[in-house]
């Protein structure tokens, strides 16, 4: 479990050769966001959590689930 500006977040990351993924669920906001990147180079995935936090902000500000990115 993570604690962020958006409240608590539960999730997990994943890896398969050629793909890195991250999923977060924000129970206080009632929404989830997931992202998959086509790479095996973890240095290129450092902003994934920030992108999911931004998606949570968009979803919360619209008072509806965030659109897929």
C-alpha atoms as a PDB file:
ATOM      1  CA  UNK A   1       0.000   0.000   0.000  1.00  0.00           C
ATOM      2  CA  UNK A   2       1.214   3.489  -0.887  1.00  0.00           C
ATOM      3  CA  UNK A   3       0.247   6.819   0.617  1.00  0.00           C
ATOM      4  CA  UNK A   4       0.146   9.723  -1.806  1.00  0.00           C
ATOM      5  CA  UNK A   5      -1.400  13.160  -2.245  1.00  0.00           C
ATOM      6  CA  UNK A   6      -4.390  11.294  -3.676  1.00  0.00           C
ATOM      7  CA  UNK A   7      -4.799   9.180  -0.517  1.00  0.00           C
ATOM      8  CA  UNK A   8      -4.114   5.491  -0.167  1.00  0.00           C
ATOM      9  CA  UNK A   9      -3.252   3.445  -3.233  1.00  0.00           C
ATOM     10  CA  UNK A  10      -3.084  -0.330  -3.627  1.00  0.00           C
ATOM     11  CA  UNK A  11      -1.522  -1.983  -6.621  1.00  0.00           C
ATOM     12  CA  UNK A  12       1.292  -3.924  -8.139  1.00  0.00           C
ATOM     13  CA  UNK A  13       3.806  -3.872 -10.927  1.00  0.00           C
ATOM     14  CA  UNK A  14       4.580  -6.551 -13.445  1.00  0.00           C
ATOM     15  CA  UNK A  15       7.309  -7.597 -15.828  1.00  0.00           C
ATOM     16  CA  UNK A  16       7.509  -9.879 -18.813  1.00  0.00           C
ATOM     17  CA  UNK A  17      10.402  -9.601 -21.281  1.00  0.00           C
ATOM     18  CA  UNK A  18       9.542  -6.617 -23.448  1.00  0.00           C
ATOM     19  CA  UNK A  19       6.850  -5.230 -21.107  1.00  0.00           C
ATOM     20  CA  UNK A  20       6.644  -3.413 -17.776  1.00  0.00           C
ATOM     21  CA  UNK A  21       3.278  -2.658 -16.148  1.00  0.00           C
ATOM     22  CA  UNK A  22       1.913  -0.857 -13.107  1.00  0.00           C
ATOM     23  CA  UNK A  23      -1.629  -0.804 -11.714  1.00  0.00           C
ATOM     24  CA  UNK A  24      -2.894   1.336  -8.835  1.00  0.00           C
ATOM     25  CA  UNK A  25      -6.316   1.411  -7.177  1.00  0.00           C
ATOM     26  CA  UNK A  26      -7.298   4.520  -5.227  1.00  0.00           C
ATOM     27  CA  UNK A  27     -10.061   3.407  -2.822  1.00  0.00           C
ATOM     28  CA  UNK A  28     -10.769   6.941  -1.543  1.00  0.00           C
ATOM     29  CA  UNK A  29     -11.421   8.059  -5.126  1.00  0.00           C
ATOM     30  CA  UNK A  30     -13.140   4.847  -6.236  1.00  0.00           C
ATOM     31  CA  UNK A  31     -10.990   4.424  -9.312  1.00  0.00           C
ATOM     32  CA  UNK A  32      -8.129   2.392 -10.713  1.00  0.00           C
ATOM     33  CA  UNK A  33      -5.511   3.173 -13.342  1.00  0.00           C
ATOM     34  CA  UNK A  34      -3.116   0.876 -15.185  1.00  0.00           C
ATOM     35  CA  UNK A  35      -0.223   1.456 -17.547  1.00  0.00           C
ATOM     36  CA  UNK A  36       1.852  -0.885 -19.704  1.00  0.00           C
ATOM     37  CA  UNK A  37       5.086   0.139 -21.417  1.00  0.00           C
ATOM     38  CA  UNK A  38       6.736  -1.851 -24.193  1.00  0.00           C
ATOM     39  CA  UNK A  39      10.274  -2.055 -22.824  1.00  0.00           C
ATOM     40  CA  UNK A  40      12.520  -4.193 -20.665  1.00  0.00           C
ATOM     41  CA  UNK A  41      14.630  -1.169 -19.724  1.00  0.00           C
ATOM     42  CA  UNK A  42      13.470  -0.087 -16.266  1.00  0.00           C
ATOM     43  CA  UNK A  43      15.318   3.240 -16.593  1.00  0.00           C
ATOM     44  CA  UNK A  44      12.670   4.257 -19.134  1.00  0.00           C
ATOM     45  CA  UNK A  45       9.771   3.595 -16.747  1.00  0.00           C
ATOM     46  CA  UNK A  46      10.558   5.957 -13.867  1.00  0.00           C
ATOM     47  CA  UNK A  47       7.570   8.218 -14.553  1.00  0.00           C
ATOM     48  CA  UNK A  48       4.939   5.463 -14.584  1.00  0.00           C
ATOM     49  CA  UNK A  49       3.711   6.124 -11.035  1.00  0.00           C
ATOM     50  CA  UNK A  50       3.461   9.860 -11.737  1.00  0.00           C
ATOM     51  CA  UNK A  51       1.376   9.176 -14.850  1.00  0.00           C
ATOM     52  CA  UNK A  52      -1.028   7.024 -12.823  1.00  0.00           C
ATOM     53  CA  UNK A  53      -1.278   9.715 -10.134  1.00  0.00           C
ATOM     54  CA  UNK A  54      -2.096  12.230 -12.879  1.00  0.00           C
ATOM     55  CA  UNK A  55      -4.772   9.888 -14.257  1.00  0.00           C
ATOM     56  CA  UNK A  56      -6.266   9.659 -10.749  1.00  0.00           C
ATOM     57  CA  UNK A  57      -6.327  13.472 -10.544  1.00  0.00           C
ATOM     58  CA  UNK A  58      -8.142  13.696 -13.876  1.00  0.00           C
ATOM     59  CA  UNK A  59     -10.672  11.069 -12.842  1.00  0.00           C
ATOM     60  CA  UNK A  60     -11.272  12.706  -9.460  1.00  0.00           C
ATOM     61  CA  UNK A  61     -11.656  16.196 -10.954  1.00  0.00           C
ATOM     62  CA  UNK A  62     -14.208  14.913 -13.474  1.00  0.00           C
ATOM     63  CA  UNK A  63     -16.027  12.971 -10.765  1.00  0.00           C
ATOM     64  CA  UNK A  64     -16.023   9.979 -13.065  1.00  0.00           C
ATOM     65  CA  UNK A  65     -13.570   7.174 -13.895  1.00  0.00           C
ATOM     66  CA  UNK A  66     -10.485   8.326 -15.750  1.00  0.00           C
ATOM     67  CA  UNK A  67     -10.412   7.516 -19.458  1.00  0.00           C
ATOM     68  CA  UNK A  68      -7.849   4.923 -20.572  1.00  0.00           C
ATOM     69  CA  UNK A  69      -4.517   6.485 -21.452  1.00  0.00           C
END
